Amino acid sequence: MNVELNKDLVKDDRGNYYIAVHKEGKELTLVNAFVESSFTPEVIYNEEFRNRHKENEGGFVGKIAMDLLRHDVVMGLKEIDRKLLDLSEVEQEYNVRFIDTIEFYRHPSWQRKA
């Protein structure tokens, strides 16, 4: 089993989704996929964000991150550009480590603009 970093989703038996952010040999690090989608350039709150998401005025910011995750789940179910894997099967191949949701997490592609 090959888990592609920052792409494939892993689902546990409670309906939580994770994404692999680091792999070294048989060590695999997962982070909650909703947390991951909350820290993407798509949801940096700035003027561009406000203009792009005017229809969400007065709504919940979390909806945008959930929509990003929902898209990835659908693509995984259809096996388009990613896979949706079962955590119990992944744990048979890898020693899985989780990044605690409460830890500050920053998406690897995020960079503060000067």
Protein backbone atom coordinates (compact mmCIF):
# COMPACT_ATOMS: atom_id res chain seq x y z
CA MET A 1 0.00 0.00 0.00
CA ASN A 2 1.36 3.38 -1.00
CA VAL A 3 -0.17 6.40 0.72
CA GLU A 4 0.42 9.59 -1.27
CA LEU A 5 1.26 12.58 0.90
CA ASN A 6 -1.07 15.57 0.89
CA LYS A 7 -3.44 13.69 -1.39
CA ASP A 8 -4.93 10.39 -0.19
CA LEU A 9 -7.54 10.47 2.57
CA VAL A 10 -7.74 8.00 5.43
CA LYS A 11 -11.09 7.42 7.16
CA ASP A 12 -11.49 5.96 10.64
CA ASP A 13 -14.43 3.94 11.93
CA ARG A 14 -16.06 7.06 13.42
CA GLY A 15 -16.25 9.00 10.17
CA ASN A 16 -13.20 11.19 10.70
CA TYR A 17 -10.95 11.91 7.75
CA TYR A 18 -7.18 12.32 7.85
CA ILE A 19 -4.52 13.22 5.35
CA ALA A 20 -0.91 12.07 5.41
CA VAL A 21 1.56 14.91 5.77
CA HIS A 22 4.79 12.98 6.42
CA LYS A 23 6.12 9.54 5.59
CA GLU A 24 9.46 8.05 6.44
CA GLY A 25 9.85 4.35 5.78
CA LYS A 26 6.93 2.67 7.55
CA GLU A 27 6.20 5.72 9.75
CA LEU A 28 3.17 7.73 8.59
CA THR A 29 1.98 11.00 10.12
CA LEU A 30 -1.68 11.93 9.73
CA VAL A 31 -3.52 15.15 10.51
CA ASN A 32 -7.27 15.70 10.66
CA ALA A 33 -8.28 16.56 7.08
CA PHE A 34 -10.68 19.31 8.16
CA VAL A 35 -7.88 20.99 10.10
CA GLU A 36 -5.66 20.60 7.04
CA SER A 37 -8.24 22.18 4.74
CA SER A 38 -8.67 25.05 7.22
CA PHE A 39 -5.02 26.02 6.79
CA THR A 40 -4.83 26.21 3.01
CA PRO A 41 -4.20 29.37 1.00
CA GLU A 42 -7.88 29.16 -0.06
CA VAL A 43 -8.99 30.31 3.40
CA ILE A 44 -6.47 33.02 4.24
CA TYR A 45 -8.70 35.85 5.40
CA ASN A 46 -7.81 38.90 3.32
CA GLU A 47 -9.43 41.20 0.76
CA GLU A 48 -9.19 38.59 -1.99
CA PHE A 49 -10.91 36.05 0.29
CA ARG A 50 -13.72 38.50 1.13
CA ASN A 51 -14.31 39.25 -2.56
CA ARG A 52 -14.22 35.60 -3.58
CA HIS A 53 -16.66 34.51 -0.85
CA LYS A 54 -19.14 37.40 -0.72
CA GLU A 55 -22.04 34.94 -0.94
CA ASN A 56 -20.98 33.52 2.43
CA GLU A 57 -21.36 36.88 4.22
CA GLY A 58 -22.89 36.22 7.63
CA GLY A 59 -22.22 32.48 7.32
CA PHE A 60 -19.72 30.16 8.92
CA VAL A 61 -16.08 30.26 7.82
CA GLY A 62 -15.85 26.51 8.51
CA LYS A 63 -18.22 25.83 5.60
CA ILE A 64 -15.49 26.74 3.12
CA ALA A 65 -13.00 24.30 4.66
CA MET A 66 -15.69 21.61 4.84
CA ASP A 67 -16.56 22.15 1.17
CA LEU A 68 -12.87 21.67 0.29
CA LEU A 69 -12.80 18.43 2.30
CA ARG A 70 -16.10 17.24 0.83
CA HIS A 71 -14.65 17.70 -2.67
CA ASP A 72 -11.58 15.62 -1.73
CA VAL A 73 -13.77 12.87 -0.22
CA VAL A 74 -15.89 12.67 -3.39
CA MET A 75 -12.74 12.50 -5.53
CA GLY A 76 -11.41 9.75 -3.25
CA LEU A 77 -14.64 7.76 -3.47
CA LYS A 78 -14.47 7.97 -7.26
CA GLU A 79 -10.70 7.33 -7.16
CA ILE A 80 -10.08 10.46 -9.20
CA ASP A 81 -6.60 11.83 -8.45
CA ARG A 82 -6.59 10.31 -4.93
CA LYS A 83 -7.63 7.32 -2.86
CA LEU A 84 -9.88 6.96 0.16
CA LEU A 85 -8.29 4.44 2.51
CA ASP A 86 -9.52 2.72 5.67
CA LEU A 87 -7.47 3.54 8.78
CA SER A 88 -7.45 -0.07 10.01
CA GLU A 89 -5.88 -1.18 6.72
CA VAL A 90 -3.33 1.65 6.76
CA GLU A 91 -2.35 0.68 10.33
CA GLN A 92 -1.53 -2.84 9.11
CA GLU A 93 1.12 -1.36 6.77
CA TYR A 94 2.36 1.69 8.69
CA ASN A 95 3.15 2.81 12.20
CA VAL A 96 0.68 5.70 12.28
CA ARG A 97 1.26 8.89 14.26
CA PHE A 98 -1.37 11.61 14.56
CA ILE A 99 -0.82 15.34 14.87
CA ASP A 100 -3.09 16.38 17.72
CA THR A 101 -5.85 18.66 16.47
CA ILE A 102 -5.13 21.20 19.20
CA GLU A 103 -1.53 21.64 18.00
CA PHE A 104 -0.93 24.58 15.71
CA TYR A 105 -0.71 23.20 12.23
CA ARG A 106 0.28 25.04 9.08
CA HIS A 107 -0.19 23.59 5.61
CA PRO A 108 3.23 23.08 3.96
CA SER A 109 2.33 25.32 1.00
CA TRP A 110 1.29 28.23 3.22
CA GLN A 111 3.76 31.09 3.29
CA ARG A 112 3.23 34.51 4.81
CA LYS A 113 3.45 37.21 2.18
CA ALA A 114 5.85 40.02 3.02
